[in-house]
Amino acid sequence: MNNLDFWLTFGPLFVINGFIVVAFVTFIFVSRTRPKTKDIEDRHSSVVLNKWIREFWMWLLEPFFKFFIYFKISPNAISILGSLVAVFAAAAFAVGHFGLGGWLMVLGASFDFFDGRVARAMNRCTEAGSFIDSCLDRVSEGITLTGLAFFYRDSFIFWVVMLAYLGSIVTSYSKAKGETMGIDYSGGMMQRPERIAYLGAGGIIAPVFSYFLYSYVLGWFPALTLAQLTGYIYLIPLSFVAIFCSATAIKRVVNIMILLDKKQGIR
């Protein structure tokens, strides 16, 4: 890869990553006086996606929120926009542009922060809006994993993608089905925000590692392309999500069954 190809491929990625690092350092000082966001305080928090990280991301994307409010863009339109971004993320993953796919995946999922917040700010909270938002969340995640499945279609890693796909479906469905039966349970470490964080961050970081490792690996595998090496490196976060997403799905199913039995006085 010559210098021109390098900057065309990795230049935008380094610029975006550098901007995020600068913004992150800036927010360390800004966060000391910034009031807490109610939406974040009320949401699920984890070790990776703790409330401070969520506050940083909300602060970074605040211009989007103000843009939506100023132009009175409906919450449903924001949800649809997030799904459209997910389509582009899937296309990027499908052709091996993992860095672009990772950032688009994170950006598309970030719109999930805004639709509910904009709905409350514009006094347009509706059950129909909440329903379509949940449906589009499933579509966005599904289409992104489909893009990954297409990239890995001739590799054993395809089945790792399928495991992550199955785990994400059961994780979401078990929670929704449990709620219809009177059980509100959302335990497990690999919920949708965590899945997006690991898969998105993995896509952002994998190309950087692959570039610096490529010259060393090429000696042992001369037919290996840079995109293929990136795909193999991405197997690390992908496997992590597949394993723990499946564990989360199993945990939810088992615990919801136990709670349903207790509700009926069986246990």
C-alpha atoms as a PDB file:
ATOM      1  CA  MET A   1       0.000   0.000   0.000  1.00  0.00           C
ATOM      2  CA  ASN A   2       1.510   3.335  -1.066  1.00  0.00           C
ATOM      3  CA  ASN A   3       1.150   6.601   0.848  1.00  0.00           C
ATOM      4  CA  LEU A   4      -1.784   7.817  -1.248  1.00  0.00           C
ATOM      5  CA  ASP A   5      -3.720   4.579  -0.719  1.00  0.00           C
ATOM      6  CA  PHE A   6      -2.902   4.703   2.976  1.00  0.00           C
ATOM      7  CA  TRP A   7      -4.338   8.189   3.483  1.00  0.00           C
ATOM      8  CA  LEU A   8      -7.382   7.485   1.336  1.00  0.00           C
ATOM      9  CA  THR A   9      -8.119   4.404   3.424  1.00  0.00           C
ATOM     10  CA  PHE A  10      -7.041   5.435   6.905  1.00  0.00           C
ATOM     11  CA  GLY A  11      -6.860   9.238   6.779  1.00  0.00           C
ATOM     12  CA  PRO A  12     -10.561   9.852   7.526  1.00  0.00           C
ATOM     13  CA  LEU A  13     -10.447   7.198  10.248  1.00  0.00           C
ATOM     14  CA  PHE A  14      -7.471   8.825  11.968  1.00  0.00           C
ATOM     15  CA  VAL A  15      -9.080  12.273  11.707  1.00  0.00           C
ATOM     16  CA  ILE A  16     -12.322  11.071  13.291  1.00  0.00           C
ATOM     17  CA  ASN A  17     -10.538   9.083  16.003  1.00  0.00           C
ATOM     18  CA  GLY A  18      -8.274  12.058  16.755  1.00  0.00           C
ATOM     19  CA  PHE A  19     -11.295  14.348  17.026  1.00  0.00           C
ATOM     20  CA  ILE A  20     -12.956  11.943  19.464  1.00  0.00           C
ATOM     21  CA  VAL A  21      -9.831  11.827  21.643  1.00  0.00           C
ATOM     22  CA  VAL A  22      -9.650  15.643  21.784  1.00  0.00           C
ATOM     23  CA  ALA A  23     -13.386  15.848  22.534  1.00  0.00           C
ATOM     24  CA  PHE A  24     -13.020  13.219  25.252  1.00  0.00           C
ATOM     25  CA  VAL A  25     -10.264  15.160  26.997  1.00  0.00           C
ATOM     26  CA  THR A  26     -12.289  18.367  26.700  1.00  0.00           C
ATOM     27  CA  PHE A  27     -15.326  16.718  28.257  1.00  0.00           C
ATOM     28  CA  ILE A  28     -13.305  15.697  31.309  1.00  0.00           C
ATOM     29  CA  PHE A  29     -13.268  19.381  32.244  1.00  0.00           C
ATOM     30  CA  VAL A  30     -16.731  20.223  30.896  1.00  0.00           C
ATOM     31  CA  SER A  31     -18.380  17.378  32.825  1.00  0.00           C
ATOM     32  CA  ARG A  32     -17.463  18.943  36.168  1.00  0.00           C
ATOM     33  CA  THR A  33     -20.044  21.696  35.727  1.00  0.00           C
ATOM     34  CA  ARG A  34     -22.454  20.061  33.262  1.00  0.00           C
ATOM     35  CA  PRO A  35     -25.831  19.034  34.761  1.00  0.00           C
ATOM     36  CA  LYS A  36     -26.829  15.378  34.549  1.00  0.00           C
ATOM     37  CA  THR A  37     -29.150  14.264  31.756  1.00  0.00           C
ATOM     38  CA  LYS A  38     -32.372  12.711  33.044  1.00  0.00           C
ATOM     39  CA  ASP A  39     -32.651  10.293  30.113  1.00  0.00           C
ATOM     40  CA  ILE A  40     -29.235   8.869  30.945  1.00  0.00           C
ATOM     41  CA  GLU A  41     -29.865   8.718  34.674  1.00  0.00           C
ATOM     42  CA  ASP A  42     -33.010   6.669  34.036  1.00  0.00           C
ATOM     43  CA  ARG A  43     -31.391   4.245  31.588  1.00  0.00           C
ATOM     44  CA  HIS A  44     -29.475   1.019  32.047  1.00  0.00           C
ATOM     45  CA  SER A  45     -25.782   1.461  32.811  1.00  0.00           C
ATOM     46  CA  SER A  46     -22.880  -0.988  32.535  1.00  0.00           C
ATOM     47  CA  VAL A  47     -19.128  -1.108  33.059  1.00  0.00           C
ATOM     48  CA  VAL A  48     -18.402  -0.222  29.425  1.00  0.00           C
ATOM     49  CA  LEU A  49     -21.345   2.092  28.821  1.00  0.00           C
ATOM     50  CA  ASN A  50     -21.468   3.801  32.174  1.00  0.00           C
ATOM     51  CA  LYS A  51     -23.340   7.043  32.743  1.00  0.00           C
ATOM     52  CA  TRP A  52     -20.218   9.198  32.280  1.00  0.00           C
ATOM     53  CA  ILE A  53     -19.544   7.718  28.844  1.00  0.00           C
ATOM     54  CA  ARG A  54     -23.192   8.179  27.890  1.00  0.00           C
ATOM     55  CA  GLU A  55     -23.038  11.808  29.065  1.00  0.00           C
ATOM     56  CA  PHE A  56     -19.944  12.344  26.916  1.00  0.00           C
ATOM     57  CA  TRP A  57     -21.639  10.928  23.849  1.00  0.00           C
ATOM     58  CA  MET A  58     -24.793  12.972  24.493  1.00  0.00           C
ATOM     59  CA  TRP A  59     -22.701  16.132  24.873  1.00  0.00           C
ATOM     60  CA  LEU A  60     -20.748  15.366  21.695  1.00  0.00           C
ATOM     61  CA  LEU A  61     -23.945  14.913  19.674  1.00  0.00           C
ATOM     62  CA  GLU A  62     -25.819  17.816  21.262  1.00  0.00           C
ATOM     63  CA  PRO A  63     -25.742  19.800  17.957  1.00  0.00           C
ATOM     64  CA  PHE A  64     -27.800  17.034  16.347  1.00  0.00           C
ATOM     65  CA  PHE A  65     -30.418  17.326  19.084  1.00  0.00           C
ATOM     66  CA  LYS A  66     -30.640  21.086  18.692  1.00  0.00           C
ATOM     67  CA  PHE A  67     -30.872  20.671  14.916  1.00  0.00           C
ATOM     68  CA  PHE A  68     -33.799  18.247  15.245  1.00  0.00           C
ATOM     69  CA  ILE A  69     -35.630  20.547  17.661  1.00  0.00           C
ATOM     70  CA  TYR A  70     -35.021  23.711  15.630  1.00  0.00           C
ATOM     71  CA  PHE A  71     -36.348  22.212  12.404  1.00  0.00           C
ATOM     72  CA  LYS A  72     -39.117  20.316  14.243  1.00  0.00           C
ATOM     73  CA  ILE A  73     -38.074  16.955  12.842  1.00  0.00           C
ATOM     74  CA  SER A  74     -40.442  14.273  14.144  1.00  0.00           C
ATOM     75  CA  PRO A  75     -39.179  11.506  16.461  1.00  0.00           C
ATOM     76  CA  ASN A  76     -40.358   8.872  13.967  1.00  0.00           C
ATOM     77  CA  ALA A  77     -38.278  10.516  11.246  1.00  0.00           C
ATOM     78  CA  ILE A  78     -35.237  10.359  13.551  1.00  0.00           C
ATOM     79  CA  SER A  79     -35.834   6.647  14.157  1.00  0.00           C
ATOM     80  CA  ILE A  80     -36.084   6.043  10.413  1.00  0.00           C
ATOM     81  CA  LEU A  81     -32.920   8.080   9.829  1.00  0.00           C
ATOM     82  CA  GLY A  82     -31.053   5.889  12.301  1.00  0.00           C
ATOM     83  CA  SER A  83     -32.154   2.789  10.408  1.00  0.00           C
ATOM     84  CA  LEU A  84     -31.037   4.314   7.096  1.00  0.00           C
ATOM     85  CA  VAL A  85     -27.594   4.976   8.562  1.00  0.00           C
ATOM     86  CA  ALA A  86     -27.531   1.330   9.674  1.00  0.00           C
ATOM     87  CA  VAL A  87     -28.115   0.297   6.048  1.00  0.00           C
ATOM     88  CA  PHE A  88     -24.988   2.216   5.006  1.00  0.00           C
ATOM     89  CA  ALA A  89     -23.092   0.640   7.922  1.00  0.00           C
ATOM     90  CA  ALA A  90     -24.130  -2.796   6.685  1.00  0.00           C
ATOM     91  CA  ALA A  91     -22.982  -1.943   3.156  1.00  0.00           C
ATOM     92  CA  ALA A  92     -19.604  -0.746   4.489  1.00  0.00           C
ATOM     93  CA  PHE A  93     -19.093  -3.953   6.481  1.00  0.00           C
ATOM     94  CA  ALA A  94     -20.201  -6.065   3.515  1.00  0.00           C
ATOM     95  CA  VAL A  95     -17.396  -4.714   1.313  1.00  0.00           C
ATOM     96  CA  GLY A  96     -14.754  -4.779   4.054  1.00  0.00           C
ATOM     97  CA  HIS A  97     -14.669  -1.104   5.117  1.00  0.00           C
ATOM     98  CA  PHE A  98     -14.756  -1.917   8.819  1.00  0.00           C
ATOM     99  CA  GLY A  99     -13.680   1.509  10.077  1.00  0.00           C
ATOM    100  CA  LEU A 100     -16.453   3.291   8.189  1.00  0.00           C
ATOM    101  CA  GLY A 101     -18.916   0.565   9.119  1.00  0.00           C
ATOM    102  CA  GLY A 102     -18.035   0.878  12.797  1.00  0.00           C
ATOM    103  CA  TRP A 103     -18.547   4.632  12.883  1.00  0.00           C
ATOM    104  CA  LEU A 104     -21.796   4.446  10.919  1.00  0.00           C
ATOM    105  CA  MET A 105     -23.024   1.716  13.250  1.00  0.00           C
ATOM    106  CA  VAL A 106     -22.340   3.889  16.305  1.00  0.00           C
ATOM    107  CA  LEU A 107     -23.842   6.966  14.642  1.00  0.00           C
ATOM    108  CA  GLY A 108     -26.996   5.144  13.587  1.00  0.00           C
ATOM    109  CA  ALA A 109     -27.485   3.706  17.068  1.00  0.00           C
ATOM    110  CA  SER A 110     -26.922   7.169  18.562  1.00  0.00           C
ATOM    111  CA  PHE A 111     -30.180   8.344  17.013  1.00  0.00           C
ATOM    112  CA  ASP A 112     -31.855   6.063  19.553  1.00  0.00           C
ATOM    113  CA  PHE A 113     -30.710   8.603  22.135  1.00  0.00           C
ATOM    114  CA  PHE A 114     -32.530  11.361  20.327  1.00  0.00           C
ATOM    115  CA  ASP A 115     -35.920  10.089  19.236  1.00  0.00           C
ATOM    116  CA  GLY A 116     -37.311   9.748  22.770  1.00  0.00           C
ATOM    117  CA  ARG A 117     -35.619  12.921  23.974  1.00  0.00           C
ATOM    118  CA  VAL A 118     -36.934  14.918  21.019  1.00  0.00           C
ATOM    119  CA  ALA A 119     -40.399  13.414  21.517  1.00  0.00           C
ATOM    120  CA  ARG A 120     -40.482  14.654  25.109  1.00  0.00           C
ATOM    121  CA  ALA A 121     -39.077  18.061  24.189  1.00  0.00           C
ATOM    122  CA  MET A 122     -41.732  18.469  21.477  1.00  0.00           C
ATOM    123  CA  ASN A 123     -44.470  16.861  23.605  1.00  0.00           C
ATOM    124  CA  ARG A 124     -44.988  14.164  20.977  1.00  0.00           C
ATOM    125  CA  CYS A 125     -44.611  10.978  23.011  1.00  0.00           C
ATOM    126  CA  THR A 126     -46.940   8.289  21.653  1.00  0.00           C
ATOM    127  CA  GLU A 127     -47.261   4.521  22.036  1.00  0.00           C
ATOM    128  CA  ALA A 128     -47.120   4.186  18.250  1.00  0.00           C
ATOM    129  CA  GLY A 129     -43.819   6.077  18.216  1.00  0.00           C
ATOM    130  CA  SER A 130     -42.376   3.829  20.908  1.00  0.00           C
ATOM    131  CA  PHE A 131     -43.534   0.767  18.981  1.00  0.00           C
ATOM    132  CA  ILE A 132     -41.997   1.794  15.659  1.00  0.00           C
ATOM    133  CA  ASP A 133     -38.781   2.783  17.437  1.00  0.00           C
ATOM    134  CA  SER A 134     -38.452  -0.713  18.941  1.00  0.00           C
ATOM    135  CA  CYS A 135     -39.172  -2.350  15.584  1.00  0.00           C
ATOM    136  CA  LEU A 136     -36.614  -0.200  13.782  1.00  0.00           C
ATOM    137  CA  ASP A 137     -34.003  -0.985  16.454  1.00  0.00           C
ATOM    138  CA  ARG A 138     -34.365  -4.660  15.550  1.00  0.00           C
ATOM    139  CA  VAL A 139     -34.167  -3.836  11.834  1.00  0.00           C
ATOM    140  CA  SER A 140     -31.027  -1.720  12.305  1.00  0.00           C
ATOM    141  CA  GLU A 141     -29.183  -4.370  14.264  1.00  0.00           C
ATOM    142  CA  GLY A 142     -30.333  -7.132  11.945  1.00  0.00           C
ATOM    143  CA  ILE A 143     -29.295  -5.348   8.751  1.00  0.00           C
ATOM    144  CA  THR A 144     -25.858  -4.531  10.184  1.00  0.00           C
ATOM    145  CA  LEU A 145     -25.223  -8.148  11.131  1.00  0.00           C
ATOM    146  CA  THR A 146     -26.460  -9.153   7.679  1.00  0.00           C
ATOM    147  CA  GLY A 147     -23.733  -6.963   6.167  1.00  0.00           C
ATOM    148  CA  LEU A 148     -21.162  -8.731   8.323  1.00  0.00           C
ATOM    149  CA  ALA A 149     -22.585 -12.120   7.351  1.00  0.00           C
ATOM    150  CA  PHE A 150     -22.176 -11.202   3.682  1.00  0.00           C
ATOM    151  CA  PHE A 151     -18.526 -10.258   4.193  1.00  0.00           C
ATOM    152  CA  TYR A 152     -17.822 -13.546   5.997  1.00  0.00           C
ATOM    153  CA  ARG A 153     -20.036 -15.657   3.712  1.00  0.00           C
ATOM    154  CA  ASP A 154     -17.143 -17.920   2.627  1.00  0.00           C
ATOM    155  CA  SER A 155     -15.507 -18.156   6.041  1.00  0.00           C
ATOM    156  CA  PHE A 156     -16.155 -20.103   9.241  1.00  0.00           C
ATOM    157  CA  ILE A 157     -16.619 -16.693  10.894  1.00  0.00           C
ATOM    158  CA  PHE A 158     -20.021 -16.552   9.183  1.00  0.00           C
ATOM    159  CA  TRP A 159     -21.306 -18.881  11.905  1.00  0.00           C
ATOM    160  CA  VAL A 160     -19.965 -16.601  14.630  1.00  0.00           C
ATOM    161  CA  VAL A 161     -22.027 -13.795  13.081  1.00  0.00           C
ATOM    162  CA  MET A 162     -25.058 -16.093  13.062  1.00  0.00           C
ATOM    163  CA  LEU A 163     -24.548 -16.896  16.743  1.00  0.00           C
ATOM    164  CA  ALA A 164     -24.427 -13.182  17.550  1.00  0.00           C
ATOM    165  CA  TYR A 165     -27.528 -12.685  15.397  1.00  0.00           C
ATOM    166  CA  LEU A 166     -29.459 -15.437  17.192  1.00  0.00           C
ATOM    167  CA  GLY A 167     -28.356 -14.208  20.606  1.00  0.00           C
ATOM    168  CA  SER A 168     -29.444 -10.636  19.872  1.00  0.00           C
ATOM    169  CA  ILE A 169     -32.864 -11.801  18.626  1.00  0.00           C
ATOM    170  CA  VAL A 170     -33.553 -13.994  21.670  1.00  0.00           C
ATOM    171  CA  THR A 171     -32.232 -11.333  24.069  1.00  0.00           C
ATOM    172  CA  SER A 172     -34.623  -8.716  22.702  1.00  0.00           C
ATOM    173  CA  TYR A 173     -37.579 -11.042  22.182  1.00  0.00           C
ATOM    174  CA  SER A 174     -37.414 -12.644  25.639  1.00  0.00           C
ATOM    175  CA  LYS A 175     -37.597  -9.213  27.276  1.00  0.00           C
ATOM    176  CA  ALA A 176     -40.520  -8.117  25.090  1.00  0.00           C
ATOM    177  CA  LYS A 177     -42.412 -11.401  25.572  1.00  0.00           C
ATOM    178  CA  GLY A 178     -41.778 -11.333  29.301  1.00  0.00           C
ATOM    179  CA  GLU A 179     -43.268  -7.841  29.538  1.00  0.00           C
ATOM    180  CA  THR A 180     -46.456  -8.983  27.774  1.00  0.00           C
ATOM    181  CA  MET A 181     -46.756 -11.694  30.451  1.00  0.00           C
ATOM    182  CA  GLY A 182     -46.264  -9.251  33.306  1.00  0.00           C
ATOM    183  CA  ILE A 183     -42.534  -9.788  33.927  1.00  0.00           C
ATOM    184  CA  ASP A 184     -40.189  -6.828  33.543  1.00  0.00           C
ATOM    185  CA  TYR A 185     -36.696  -8.318  33.395  1.00  0.00           C
ATOM    186  CA  SER A 186     -33.764  -6.943  31.428  1.00  0.00           C
ATOM    187  CA  GLY A 187     -30.713  -8.520  33.066  1.00  0.00           C
ATOM    188  CA  GLY A 188     -27.525  -9.529  31.310  1.00  0.00           C
ATOM    189  CA  MET A 189     -24.310  -7.794  30.337  1.00  0.00           C
ATOM    190  CA  MET A 190     -24.786  -7.829  26.542  1.00  0.00           C
ATOM    191  CA  GLN A 191     -27.792  -5.612  25.944  1.00  0.00           C
ATOM    192  CA  ARG A 192     -28.249  -3.675  22.702  1.00  0.00           C
ATOM    193  CA  PRO A 193     -26.113  -0.631  23.668  1.00  0.00           C
ATOM    194  CA  GLU A 194     -23.257  -2.944  24.682  1.00  0.00           C
ATOM    195  CA  ARG A 195     -23.540  -4.923  21.453  1.00  0.00           C
ATOM    196  CA  ILE A 196     -23.359  -1.711  19.436  1.00  0.00           C
ATOM    197  CA  ALA A 197     -20.409  -0.455  21.496  1.00  0.00           C
ATOM    198  CA  TYR A 198     -18.304  -3.606  21.105  1.00  0.00           C
ATOM    199  CA  LEU A 199     -19.099  -4.202  17.419  1.00  0.00           C
ATOM    200  CA  GLY A 200     -18.795  -0.521  16.519  1.00  0.00           C
ATOM    201  CA  ALA A 201     -15.574   0.060  18.449  1.00  0.00           C
ATOM    202  CA  GLY A 202     -14.164  -3.192  17.072  1.00  0.00           C
ATOM    203  CA  GLY A 203     -14.832  -2.011  13.536  1.00  0.00           C
ATOM    204  CA  ILE A 204     -13.169   1.327  14.249  1.00  0.00           C
ATOM    205  CA  ILE A 205     -10.041  -0.181  15.785  1.00  0.00           C
ATOM    206  CA  ALA A 206      -9.548  -3.330  13.666  1.00  0.00           C
ATOM    207  CA  PRO A 207      -8.309  -1.539  10.487  1.00  0.00           C
ATOM    208  CA  VAL A 208      -5.647   0.323  12.456  1.00  0.00           C
ATOM    209  CA  PHE A 209      -4.265  -2.906  13.940  1.00  0.00           C
ATOM    210  CA  SER A 210      -4.460  -4.677  10.588  1.00  0.00           C
ATOM    211  CA  TYR A 211      -2.437  -1.986   8.830  1.00  0.00           C
ATOM    212  CA  PHE A 212       0.426  -2.088  11.313  1.00  0.00           C
ATOM    213  CA  LEU A 213       0.432  -5.910  11.501  1.00  0.00           C
ATOM    214  CA  TYR A 214       0.024  -6.545   7.783  1.00  0.00           C
ATOM    215  CA  SER A 215       3.702  -6.381   6.800  1.00  0.00           C
ATOM    216  CA  TYR A 216       4.594  -8.920   9.517  1.00  0.00           C
ATOM    217  CA  VAL A 217       1.770 -11.336   8.751  1.00  0.00           C
ATOM    218  CA  LEU A 218       2.311 -11.183   4.974  1.00  0.00           C
ATOM    219  CA  GLY A 219       5.538 -13.166   5.299  1.00  0.00           C
ATOM    220  CA  TRP A 220       3.619 -16.200   6.586  1.00  0.00           C
ATOM    221  CA  PHE A 221       0.472 -15.700   4.511  1.00  0.00           C
ATOM    222  CA  PRO A 222       1.486 -14.055   1.203  1.00  0.00           C
ATOM    223  CA  ALA A 223      -2.014 -14.381  -0.294  1.00  0.00           C
ATOM    224  CA  LEU A 224      -3.676 -12.570   2.606  1.00  0.00           C
ATOM    225  CA  THR A 225      -5.250  -9.194   1.796  1.00  0.00           C
ATOM    226  CA  LEU A 226      -5.494  -6.265   4.170  1.00  0.00           C
ATOM    227  CA  ALA A 227      -9.305  -6.568   4.230  1.00  0.00           C
ATOM    228  CA  GLN A 228      -9.039 -10.257   5.138  1.00  0.00           C
ATOM    229  CA  LEU A 229      -6.631  -9.517   7.987  1.00  0.00           C
ATOM    230  CA  THR A 230      -9.004  -6.831   9.261  1.00  0.00           C
ATOM    231  CA  GLY A 231     -11.791  -9.397   9.155  1.00  0.00           C
ATOM    232  CA  TYR A 232      -9.773 -11.853  11.223  1.00  0.00           C
ATOM    233  CA  ILE A 233      -8.897  -9.187  13.803  1.00  0.00           C
ATOM    234  CA  TYR A 234     -12.565  -8.216  13.982  1.00  0.00           C
ATOM    235  CA  LEU A 235     -13.288 -11.809  14.977  1.00  0.00           C
ATOM    236  CA  ILE A 236     -12.139 -10.879  18.510  1.00  0.00           C
ATOM    237  CA  PRO A 237     -14.951  -8.394  19.367  1.00  0.00           C
ATOM    238  CA  LEU A 238     -17.393 -10.362  17.223  1.00  0.00           C
ATOM    239  CA  SER A 239     -16.730 -13.573  19.184  1.00  0.00           C
ATOM    240  CA  PHE A 240     -16.972 -11.685  22.469  1.00  0.00           C
ATOM    241  CA  VAL A 241     -20.407 -10.363  21.500  1.00  0.00           C
ATOM    242  CA  ALA A 242     -21.581 -13.729  20.163  1.00  0.00           C
ATOM    243  CA  ILE A 243     -20.602 -15.610  23.327  1.00  0.00           C
ATOM    244  CA  PHE A 244     -21.857 -13.132  25.894  1.00  0.00           C
ATOM    245  CA  CYS A 245     -24.941 -12.221  23.891  1.00  0.00           C
ATOM    246  CA  SER A 246     -25.885 -15.904  23.858  1.00  0.00           C
ATOM    247  CA  ALA A 247     -25.196 -16.090  27.598  1.00  0.00           C
ATOM    248  CA  THR A 248     -27.395 -13.031  28.160  1.00  0.00           C
ATOM    249  CA  ALA A 249     -30.191 -14.597  26.111  1.00  0.00           C
ATOM    250  CA  ILE A 250     -30.016 -17.838  28.098  1.00  0.00           C
ATOM    251  CA  LYS A 251     -29.934 -15.930  31.379  1.00  0.00           C
ATOM    252  CA  ARG A 252     -32.999 -13.926  30.436  1.00  0.00           C
ATOM    253  CA  VAL A 253     -34.983 -16.945  29.297  1.00  0.00           C
ATOM    254  CA  VAL A 254     -34.168 -18.938  32.442  1.00  0.00           C
ATOM    255  CA  ASN A 255     -34.803 -16.079  34.871  1.00  0.00           C
ATOM    256  CA  ILE A 256     -38.047 -15.016  33.199  1.00  0.00           C
ATOM    257  CA  MET A 257     -39.261 -18.630  33.376  1.00  0.00           C
ATOM    258  CA  ILE A 258     -38.421 -18.698  37.099  1.00  0.00           C
ATOM    259  CA  LEU A 259     -40.243 -15.403  37.684  1.00  0.00           C
ATOM    260  CA  LEU A 260     -43.280 -16.640  35.736  1.00  0.00           C
ATOM    261  CA  ASP A 261     -43.390 -19.807  37.850  1.00  0.00           C
ATOM    262  CA  LYS A 262     -43.162 -17.723  41.026  1.00  0.00           C
ATOM    263  CA  LYS A 263     -45.954 -15.508  39.738  1.00  0.00           C
ATOM    264  CA  GLN A 264     -48.177 -18.566  39.368  1.00  0.00           C
ATOM    265  CA  GLY A 265     -47.107 -19.919  42.751  1.00  0.00           C
ATOM    266  CA  ILE A 266     -45.324 -22.934  41.261  1.00  0.00           C
ATOM    267  CA  ARG A 267     -42.060 -22.182  43.074  1.00  0.00           C
END
